[in-house]
Amino acid sequence: MSAADLTTLDRYECRACGYVYEPAKGDSKHQVPMGTPFTELPSSWRCPVCGAKAAAFSNVGPLGNPSGFKENLGYGLGVNVLTPGQKNLLIFGGLALAFLFFLSLYGLQ
């Protein structure tokens, strides 16, 4: 599998402990090789953190996809289509800019 194929595979999150199975990484604890989709895991596979069955996992989509429901991505001022990393950059960048503007007020006389 190419690197592009690995980024389009869905990740699954354990609802019990929050562990995220990423097909691009596989599972070294249970000797699951990289590139193995969640749907092709053996039936005996368990969460490496808490031991929950595969049925306790929910699909969280591919890495880098916008968070939220797909039907809601068209709403808002275009912010809904941003990935979580882009949202963090926008929020914390805005806070840093506001702080710099606040500090610049001390230069006024």
Protein backbone atom coordinates (compact mmCIF):
# COMPACT_ATOMS: atom_id res chain seq x y z
CA MET A 1 0.00 0.00 0.00
CA SER A 2 1.20 3.47 -0.81
CA ALA A 3 1.33 6.31 1.71
CA ALA A 4 -1.64 7.98 -0.02
CA ASP A 5 -3.73 4.82 0.41
CA LEU A 6 -2.88 4.65 4.12
CA THR A 7 -4.11 8.20 4.76
CA THR A 8 -7.54 7.41 3.28
CA LEU A 9 -8.17 4.42 5.56
CA ASP A 10 -10.63 5.06 8.37
CA ARG A 11 -9.36 5.17 11.94
CA TYR A 12 -11.40 3.65 14.77
CA GLU A 13 -11.58 4.87 18.37
CA CYS A 14 -12.25 2.68 21.40
CA ARG A 15 -15.32 4.04 23.22
CA ALA A 16 -14.07 2.56 26.49
CA CYS A 17 -10.59 4.10 26.75
CA GLY A 18 -10.09 6.45 23.77
CA TYR A 19 -7.37 4.41 22.01
CA VAL A 20 -7.36 5.11 18.26
CA TYR A 21 -6.47 2.27 15.89
CA GLU A 22 -4.63 3.77 12.94
CA PRO A 23 -4.20 1.43 9.96
CA ALA A 24 -1.05 3.33 8.91
CA LYS A 25 0.63 2.22 12.17
CA GLY A 26 -0.94 -1.19 12.71
CA ASP A 27 -0.73 -2.77 16.17
CA SER A 28 2.68 -4.03 17.26
CA LYS A 29 1.30 -5.53 20.50
CA HIS A 30 -0.86 -8.02 18.56
CA GLN A 31 1.48 -8.34 15.54
CA VAL A 32 -0.94 -6.55 13.18
CA PRO A 33 1.14 -5.19 10.26
CA MET A 34 0.97 -1.60 9.01
CA GLY A 35 -1.71 -1.01 6.40
CA THR A 36 -4.25 -3.45 7.87
CA PRO A 37 -7.75 -1.91 7.72
CA PHE A 38 -9.85 -2.21 10.87
CA THR A 39 -12.40 -4.37 9.04
CA GLU A 40 -9.68 -6.95 8.29
CA LEU A 41 -8.47 -7.36 11.88
CA PRO A 42 -8.72 -10.91 13.24
CA SER A 43 -11.84 -11.72 15.25
CA SER A 44 -9.70 -12.35 18.32
CA TRP A 45 -8.22 -8.83 18.22
CA ARG A 46 -8.77 -6.70 21.32
CA CYS A 47 -7.95 -3.09 22.23
CA PRO A 48 -4.27 -3.03 23.25
CA VAL A 49 -5.00 -0.59 26.09
CA CYS A 50 -8.16 -1.86 27.80
CA GLY A 51 -8.89 -5.21 26.11
CA ALA A 52 -12.28 -4.17 24.67
CA LYS A 53 -13.66 -6.11 21.69
CA ALA A 54 -13.66 -4.62 18.19
CA ALA A 55 -17.40 -3.96 18.53
CA ALA A 56 -16.59 -1.28 21.13
CA PHE A 57 -14.84 0.84 18.48
CA SER A 58 -16.44 3.64 16.46
CA ASN A 59 -15.32 4.98 13.10
CA VAL A 60 -13.66 8.42 13.36
CA GLY A 61 -12.72 8.70 9.68
CA PRO A 62 -9.37 9.17 7.97
CA LEU A 63 -6.56 11.17 9.54
CA GLY A 64 -6.77 14.91 8.79
CA ASN A 65 -10.45 15.00 7.85
CA PRO A 66 -12.64 17.80 9.17
CA SER A 67 -14.31 16.86 12.42
CA GLY A 68 -18.07 16.78 12.71
CA PHE A 69 -20.98 15.43 10.73
CA LYS A 70 -20.58 15.54 6.95
CA GLU A 71 -23.98 17.17 6.47
CA ASN A 72 -22.91 20.10 8.69
CA LEU A 73 -19.63 20.87 6.88
CA GLY A 74 -21.32 23.38 4.55
CA TYR A 75 -22.53 25.62 7.38
CA GLY A 76 -20.59 28.33 9.17
CA LEU A 77 -18.17 30.77 7.62
CA GLY A 78 -16.11 27.99 6.05
CA VAL A 79 -14.64 27.05 9.41
CA ASN A 80 -16.48 23.72 9.52
CA VAL A 81 -14.34 22.28 6.72
CA LEU A 82 -11.07 22.93 8.56
CA THR A 83 -9.14 20.01 10.04
CA PRO A 84 -8.58 20.00 13.82
CA GLY A 85 -4.98 21.14 13.29
CA GLN A 86 -6.09 24.07 11.16
CA LYS A 87 -8.70 25.03 13.75
CA ASN A 88 -6.04 25.00 16.49
CA LEU A 89 -3.78 27.21 14.37
CA LEU A 90 -6.63 29.64 13.72
CA ILE A 91 -7.69 29.83 17.39
CA PHE A 92 -4.26 30.06 19.00
CA GLY A 93 -2.88 32.25 16.22
CA GLY A 94 -5.76 34.66 16.79
CA LEU A 95 -5.11 34.65 20.53
CA ALA A 96 -1.40 35.35 19.96
CA LEU A 97 -2.23 38.19 17.58
CA ALA A 98 -4.69 39.69 20.07
CA PHE A 99 -2.03 39.48 22.79
CA LEU A 100 0.49 41.26 20.54
CA PHE A 101 -2.05 44.00 19.82
CA PHE A 102 -2.69 44.33 23.55
CA LEU A 103 1.04 44.67 24.23
CA SER A 104 1.38 47.27 21.47
CA LEU A 105 -1.01 49.53 23.41
CA TYR A 106 1.81 50.15 25.90
CA GLY A 107 3.75 51.87 23.10
CA LEU A 108 1.07 54.53 22.70
CA GLN A 109 1.48 57.74 24.63
